[in-house]
Amino acid sequence: MKTVYKWKSGIAEAAQSYISLKRQTGMKFEIQERYLRHFDTFYYSNGFEGTTLTKEIVNDFIYVIRVK
């Protein structure tokens, strides 16, 4: 059984709305949703707050993804 992901960060609402919008257009959007969940966890775990994305945050996330 699939576990339901619990969104944590300040961007959670925007990410969920974006996923919903993409699915309404007929896209499966599974891989992209997985990356958004990873980003949500990264954003929250590193103490970022609010809904503003900076170049630093995005670059740090890209670095983490590439290292894995």
PDB file of N, CA and C in Angstrom:
ATOM      1  N   MET A   1       0.838  -1.178   0.000  1.00  0.00           N
ATOM      2  CA  MET A   1       0.000   0.000   0.000  1.00  0.00           C
ATOM      3  C   MET A   1       0.884   1.244   0.000  1.00  0.00           C
ATOM      4  N   LYS A   2       0.515   2.194  -0.817  1.00  0.00           N
ATOM      5  CA  LYS A   2       1.268   3.439  -0.909  1.00  0.00           C
ATOM      6  C   LYS A   2       1.007   4.312   0.310  1.00  0.00           C
ATOM      7  N   THR A   3       2.097   4.858   0.859  1.00  0.00           N
ATOM      8  CA  THR A   3       1.911   5.786   1.962  1.00  0.00           C
ATOM      9  C   THR A   3       1.683   7.182   1.396  1.00  0.00           C
ATOM     10  N   VAL A   4       0.869   7.934   2.072  1.00  0.00           N
ATOM     11  CA  VAL A   4       0.546   9.289   1.639  1.00  0.00           C
ATOM     12  C   VAL A   4       1.634  10.224   2.147  1.00  0.00           C
ATOM     13  N   TYR A   5       2.191  11.013   1.243  1.00  0.00           N
ATOM     14  CA  TYR A   5       3.241  11.957   1.618  1.00  0.00           C
ATOM     15  C   TYR A   5       2.632  13.127   2.372  1.00  0.00           C
ATOM     16  N   LYS A   6       3.255  13.494   3.485  1.00  0.00           N
ATOM     17  CA  LYS A   6       2.792  14.645   4.266  1.00  0.00           C
ATOM     18  C   LYS A   6       3.677  15.846   3.922  1.00  0.00           C
ATOM     19  N   TRP A   7       3.095  16.821   3.257  1.00  0.00           N
ATOM     20  CA  TRP A   7       3.811  18.030   2.848  1.00  0.00           C
ATOM     21  C   TRP A   7       4.138  18.853   4.080  1.00  0.00           C
ATOM     22  N   LYS A   8       5.349  19.465   4.092  1.00  0.00           N
ATOM     23  CA  LYS A   8       5.827  20.127   5.303  1.00  0.00           C
ATOM     24  C   LYS A   8       6.203  21.594   5.127  1.00  0.00           C
ATOM     25  N   SER A   9       6.688  21.969   3.974  1.00  0.00           N
ATOM     26  CA  SER A   9       7.323  23.282   3.814  1.00  0.00           C
ATOM     27  C   SER A   9       6.327  24.393   3.485  1.00  0.00           C
ATOM     28  N   GLY A  10       6.875  25.592   3.397  1.00  0.00           N
ATOM     29  CA  GLY A  10       6.083  26.759   3.040  1.00  0.00           C
ATOM     30  C   GLY A  10       5.598  26.740   1.603  1.00  0.00           C
ATOM     31  N   ILE A  11       6.234  25.921   0.768  1.00  0.00           N
ATOM     32  CA  ILE A  11       5.821  25.840  -0.635  1.00  0.00           C
ATOM     33  C   ILE A  11       4.837  24.695  -0.885  1.00  0.00           C
ATOM     34  N   ALA A  12       4.444  23.997   0.179  1.00  0.00           N
ATOM     35  CA  ALA A  12       3.594  22.815   0.048  1.00  0.00           C
ATOM     36  C   ALA A  12       2.286  23.100  -0.702  1.00  0.00           C
ATOM     37  N   GLU A  13       1.617  24.156  -0.329  1.00  0.00           N
ATOM     38  CA  GLU A  13       0.330  24.471  -0.944  1.00  0.00           C
ATOM     39  C   GLU A  13       0.483  24.763  -2.437  1.00  0.00           C
ATOM     40  N   ALA A  14       1.494  25.532  -2.785  1.00  0.00           N
ATOM     41  CA  ALA A  14       1.740  25.859  -4.192  1.00  0.00           C
ATOM     42  C   ALA A  14       2.100  24.604  -4.987  1.00  0.00           C
ATOM     43  N   ALA A  15       2.915  23.747  -4.402  1.00  0.00           N
ATOM     44  CA  ALA A  15       3.321  22.514  -5.081  1.00  0.00           C
ATOM     45  C   ALA A  15       2.119  21.601  -5.312  1.00  0.00           C
ATOM     46  N   GLN A  16       1.281  21.459  -4.313  1.00  0.00           N
ATOM     47  CA  GLN A  16       0.095  20.614  -4.442  1.00  0.00           C
ATOM     48  C   GLN A  16      -0.872  21.174  -5.484  1.00  0.00           C
ATOM     49  N   SER A  17      -1.034  22.471  -5.513  1.00  0.00           N
ATOM     50  CA  SER A  17      -1.902  23.101  -6.516  1.00  0.00           C
ATOM     51  C   SER A  17      -1.355  22.876  -7.918  1.00  0.00           C
ATOM     52  N   TYR A  18      -0.048  22.984  -8.061  1.00  0.00           N
ATOM     53  CA  TYR A  18       0.601  22.775  -9.355  1.00  0.00           C
ATOM     54  C   TYR A  18       0.415  21.335  -9.830  1.00  0.00           C
ATOM     55  N   ILE A  19       0.618  20.383  -8.932  1.00  0.00           N
ATOM     56  CA  ILE A  19       0.432  18.972  -9.267  1.00  0.00           C
ATOM     57  C   ILE A  19      -1.007  18.715  -9.687  1.00  0.00           C
ATOM     58  N   SER A  20      -1.941  19.247  -8.933  1.00  0.00           N
ATOM     59  CA  SER A  20      -3.355  19.078  -9.242  1.00  0.00           C
ATOM     60  C   SER A  20      -3.701  19.652 -10.614  1.00  0.00           C
ATOM     61  N   LEU A  21      -3.182  20.827 -10.909  1.00  0.00           N
ATOM     62  CA  LEU A  21      -3.423  21.468 -12.193  1.00  0.00           C
ATOM     63  C   LEU A  21      -2.898  20.605 -13.338  1.00  0.00           C
ATOM     64  N   LYS A  22      -1.698  20.093 -13.195  1.00  0.00           N
ATOM     65  CA  LYS A  22      -1.102  19.253 -14.234  1.00  0.00           C
ATOM     66  C   LYS A  22      -1.907  17.972 -14.440  1.00  0.00           C
ATOM     67  N   ARG A  23      -2.386  17.382 -13.367  1.00  0.00           N
ATOM     68  CA  ARG A  23      -3.189  16.155 -13.482  1.00  0.00           C
ATOM     69  C   ARG A  23      -4.541  16.432 -14.132  1.00  0.00           C
ATOM     70  N   GLN A  24      -5.095  17.598 -13.890  1.00  0.00           N
ATOM     71  CA  GLN A  24      -6.367  17.959 -14.510  1.00  0.00           C
ATOM     72  C   GLN A  24      -6.240  18.092 -16.017  1.00  0.00           C
ATOM     73  N   THR A  25      -5.025  18.374 -16.486  1.00  0.00           N
ATOM     74  CA  THR A  25      -4.809  18.486 -17.926  1.00  0.00           C
ATOM     75  C   THR A  25      -4.534  17.124 -18.560  1.00  0.00           C
ATOM     76  N   GLY A  26      -4.530  16.062 -17.739  1.00  0.00           N
ATOM     77  CA  GLY A  26      -4.354  14.719 -18.259  1.00  0.00           C
ATOM     78  C   GLY A  26      -2.962  14.143 -18.097  1.00  0.00           C
ATOM     79  N   MET A  27      -2.068  14.883 -17.505  1.00  0.00           N
ATOM     80  CA  MET A  27      -0.712  14.381 -17.301  1.00  0.00           C
ATOM     81  C   MET A  27      -0.673  13.459 -16.083  1.00  0.00           C
ATOM     82  N   LYS A  28       0.160  12.428 -16.147  1.00  0.00           N
ATOM     83  CA  LYS A  28       0.345  11.555 -14.983  1.00  0.00           C
ATOM     84  C   LYS A  28       1.135  12.276 -13.909  1.00  0.00           C
ATOM     85  N   PHE A  29       2.202  12.949 -14.293  1.00  0.00           N
ATOM     86  CA  PHE A  29       2.987  13.822 -13.420  1.00  0.00           C
ATOM     87  C   PHE A  29       3.548  13.120 -12.202  1.00  0.00           C
ATOM     88  N   GLU A  30       3.927  11.846 -12.340  1.00  0.00           N
ATOM     89  CA  GLU A  30       4.422  11.062 -11.211  1.00  0.00           C
ATOM     90  C   GLU A  30       5.880  11.366 -10.874  1.00  0.00           C
ATOM     91  N   ILE A  31       6.747  11.372 -11.867  1.00  0.00           N
ATOM     92  CA  ILE A  31       8.166  11.646 -11.618  1.00  0.00           C
ATOM     93  C   ILE A  31       8.341  13.080 -11.128  1.00  0.00           C
ATOM     94  N   GLN A  32       7.638  13.996 -11.764  1.00  0.00           N
ATOM     95  CA  GLN A  32       7.733  15.405 -11.368  1.00  0.00           C
ATOM     96  C   GLN A  32       7.239  15.603  -9.935  1.00  0.00           C
ATOM     97  N   GLU A  33       6.179  14.889  -9.565  1.00  0.00           N
ATOM     98  CA  GLU A  33       5.672  14.986  -8.197  1.00  0.00           C
ATOM     99  C   GLU A  33       6.714  14.454  -7.210  1.00  0.00           C
ATOM    100  N   ARG A  34       7.405  13.397  -7.580  1.00  0.00           N
ATOM    101  CA  ARG A  34       8.439  12.842  -6.709  1.00  0.00           C
ATOM    102  C   ARG A  34       9.537  13.886  -6.460  1.00  0.00           C
ATOM    103  N   TYR A  35       9.952  14.584  -7.521  1.00  0.00           N
ATOM    104  CA  TYR A  35      10.959  15.638  -7.349  1.00  0.00           C
ATOM    105  C   TYR A  35      10.436  16.779  -6.477  1.00  0.00           C
ATOM    106  N   LEU A  36       9.175  17.133  -6.631  1.00  0.00           N
ATOM    107  CA  LEU A  36       8.601  18.189  -5.784  1.00  0.00           C
ATOM    108  C   LEU A  36       8.530  17.748  -4.325  1.00  0.00           C
ATOM    109  N   ARG A  37       8.232  16.470  -4.083  1.00  0.00           N
ATOM    110  CA  ARG A  37       8.238  15.966  -2.702  1.00  0.00           C
ATOM    111  C   ARG A  37       9.646  16.008  -2.121  1.00  0.00           C
ATOM    112  N   HIS A  38      10.645  15.623  -2.921  1.00  0.00           N
ATOM    113  CA  HIS A  38      12.035  15.700  -2.463  1.00  0.00           C
ATOM    114  C   HIS A  38      12.411  17.147  -2.148  1.00  0.00           C
ATOM    115  N   PHE A  39      11.997  18.059  -3.013  1.00  0.00           N
ATOM    116  CA  PHE A  39      12.303  19.468  -2.784  1.00  0.00           C
ATOM    117  C   PHE A  39      11.610  19.977  -1.530  1.00  0.00           C
ATOM    118  N   ASP A  40      10.375  19.562  -1.316  1.00  0.00           N
ATOM    119  CA  ASP A  40       9.635  19.956  -0.121  1.00  0.00           C
ATOM    120  C   ASP A  40      10.385  19.507   1.133  1.00  0.00           C
ATOM    121  N   THR A  41      10.843  18.264   1.140  1.00  0.00           N
ATOM    122  CA  THR A  41      11.592  17.737   2.281  1.00  0.00           C
ATOM    123  C   THR A  41      12.898  18.501   2.467  1.00  0.00           C
ATOM    124  N   PHE A  42      13.611  18.738   1.364  1.00  0.00           N
ATOM    125  CA  PHE A  42      14.868  19.492   1.419  1.00  0.00           C
ATOM    126  C   PHE A  42      14.632  20.897   1.971  1.00  0.00           C
ATOM    127  N   TYR A  43      13.630  21.568   1.456  1.00  0.00           N
ATOM    128  CA  TYR A  43      13.294  22.936   1.846  1.00  0.00           C
ATOM    129  C   TYR A  43      13.010  23.011   3.346  1.00  0.00           C
ATOM    130  N   TYR A  44      12.184  22.079   3.810  1.00  0.00           N
ATOM    131  CA  TYR A  44      11.795  22.047   5.221  1.00  0.00           C
ATOM    132  C   TYR A  44      12.971  21.651   6.120  1.00  0.00           C
ATOM    133  N   SER A  45      13.698  20.615   5.729  1.00  0.00           N
ATOM    134  CA  SER A  45      14.796  20.088   6.544  1.00  0.00           C
ATOM    135  C   SER A  45      15.947  21.072   6.711  1.00  0.00           C
ATOM    136  N   ASN A  46      16.118  21.957   5.756  1.00  0.00           N
ATOM    137  CA  ASN A  46      17.204  22.922   5.810  1.00  0.00           C
ATOM    138  C   ASN A  46      16.783  24.259   6.403  1.00  0.00           C
ATOM    139  N   GLY A  47      15.593  24.302   6.971  1.00  0.00           N
ATOM    140  CA  GLY A  47      15.158  25.481   7.715  1.00  0.00           C
ATOM    141  C   GLY A  47      14.687  26.656   6.878  1.00  0.00           C
ATOM    142  N   PHE A  48      14.464  26.432   5.584  1.00  0.00           N
ATOM    143  CA  PHE A  48      13.942  27.518   4.759  1.00  0.00           C
ATOM    144  C   PHE A  48      12.476  27.747   5.098  1.00  0.00           C
ATOM    145  N   GLU A  49      12.056  28.992   5.062  1.00  0.00           N
ATOM    146  CA  GLU A  49      10.679  29.334   5.414  1.00  0.00           C
ATOM    147  C   GLU A  49      10.063  30.188   4.325  1.00  0.00           C
ATOM    148  N   GLY A  50       8.748  30.266   4.342  1.00  0.00           N
ATOM    149  CA  GLY A  50       8.039  31.101   3.392  1.00  0.00           C
ATOM    150  C   GLY A  50       7.911  30.444   2.023  1.00  0.00           C
ATOM    151  N   THR A  51       7.560  31.271   1.050  1.00  0.00           N
ATOM    152  CA  THR A  51       7.309  30.757  -0.300  1.00  0.00           C
ATOM    153  C   THR A  51       8.273  31.315  -1.330  1.00  0.00           C
ATOM    154  N   THR A  52       9.289  32.009  -0.887  1.00  0.00           N
ATOM    155  CA  THR A  52      10.240  32.609  -1.813  1.00  0.00           C
ATOM    156  C   THR A  52      11.385  31.643  -2.106  1.00  0.00           C
ATOM    157  N   LEU A  53      11.608  31.394  -3.394  1.00  0.00           N
ATOM    158  CA  LEU A  53      12.730  30.556  -3.805  1.00  0.00           C
ATOM    159  C   LEU A  53      13.874  31.456  -4.234  1.00  0.00           C
ATOM    160  N   THR A  54      15.047  31.156  -3.712  1.00  0.00           N
ATOM    161  CA  THR A  54      16.227  31.911  -4.106  1.00  0.00           C
ATOM    162  C   THR A  54      17.125  31.015  -4.960  1.00  0.00           C
ATOM    163  N   LYS A  55      18.051  31.646  -5.627  1.00  0.00           N
ATOM    164  CA  LYS A  55      19.011  30.910  -6.440  1.00  0.00           C
ATOM    165  C   LYS A  55      19.810  29.952  -5.550  1.00  0.00           C
ATOM    166  N   GLU A  56      20.153  30.391  -4.358  1.00  0.00           N
ATOM    167  CA  GLU A  56      20.918  29.564  -3.424  1.00  0.00           C
ATOM    168  C   GLU A  56      20.168  28.278  -3.073  1.00  0.00           C
ATOM    169  N   ILE A  57      18.891  28.397  -2.754  1.00  0.00           N
ATOM    170  CA  ILE A  57      18.085  27.235  -2.382  1.00  0.00           C
ATOM    171  C   ILE A  57      18.026  26.240  -3.541  1.00  0.00           C
ATOM    172  N   VAL A  58      17.735  26.741  -4.716  1.00  0.00           N
ATOM    173  CA  VAL A  58      17.599  25.872  -5.881  1.00  0.00           C
ATOM    174  C   VAL A  58      18.937  25.214  -6.219  1.00  0.00           C
ATOM    175  N   ASN A  59      20.022  25.969  -6.203  1.00  0.00           N
ATOM    176  CA  ASN A  59      21.338  25.395  -6.488  1.00  0.00           C
ATOM    177  C   ASN A  59      21.739  24.345  -5.458  1.00  0.00           C
ATOM    178  N   ASP A  60      21.447  24.587  -4.194  1.00  0.00           N
ATOM    179  CA  ASP A  60      21.743  23.598  -3.153  1.00  0.00           C
ATOM    180  C   ASP A  60      20.961  22.310  -3.395  1.00  0.00           C
ATOM    181  N   PHE A  61      19.709  22.432  -3.771  1.00  0.00           N
ATOM    182  CA  PHE A  61      18.888  21.254  -4.043  1.00  0.00           C
ATOM    183  C   PHE A  61      19.424  20.491  -5.249  1.00  0.00           C
ATOM    184  N   ILE A  62      19.763  21.195  -6.303  1.00  0.00           N
ATOM    185  CA  ILE A  62      20.306  20.545  -7.509  1.00  0.00           C
ATOM    186  C   ILE A  62      21.581  19.791  -7.154  1.00  0.00           C
ATOM    187  N   TYR A  63      22.418  20.385  -6.333  1.00  0.00           N
ATOM    188  CA  TYR A  63      23.663  19.734  -5.917  1.00  0.00           C
ATOM    189  C   TYR A  63      23.343  18.435  -5.163  1.00  0.00           C
ATOM    190  N   VAL A  64      22.386  18.480  -4.257  1.00  0.00           N
ATOM    191  CA  VAL A  64      22.025  17.298  -3.462  1.00  0.00           C
ATOM    192  C   VAL A  64      21.489  16.198  -4.380  1.00  0.00           C
ATOM    193  N   ILE A  65      20.656  16.553  -5.331  1.00  0.00           N
ATOM    194  CA  ILE A  65      20.071  15.576  -6.253  1.00  0.00           C
ATOM    195  C   ILE A  65      21.159  14.930  -7.099  1.00  0.00           C
ATOM    196  N   ARG A  66      22.092  15.713  -7.581  1.00  0.00           N
ATOM    197  CA  ARG A  66      23.162  15.178  -8.442  1.00  0.00           C
ATOM    198  C   ARG A  66      24.112  14.279  -7.677  1.00  0.00           C
ATOM    199  N   VAL A  67      24.349  14.566  -6.405  1.00  0.00           N
ATOM    200  CA  VAL A  67      25.274  13.775  -5.602  1.00  0.00           C
ATOM    201  C   VAL A  67      24.691  12.388  -5.325  1.00  0.00           C
ATOM    202  N   LYS A  68      23.397  12.305  -5.145  1.00  0.00           N
ATOM    203  CA  LYS A  68      22.747  11.013  -4.856  1.00  0.00           C
ATOM    204  C   LYS A  68      22.865  10.158  -6.028  1.00  0.00           C
TER     205      LYS A  68
END
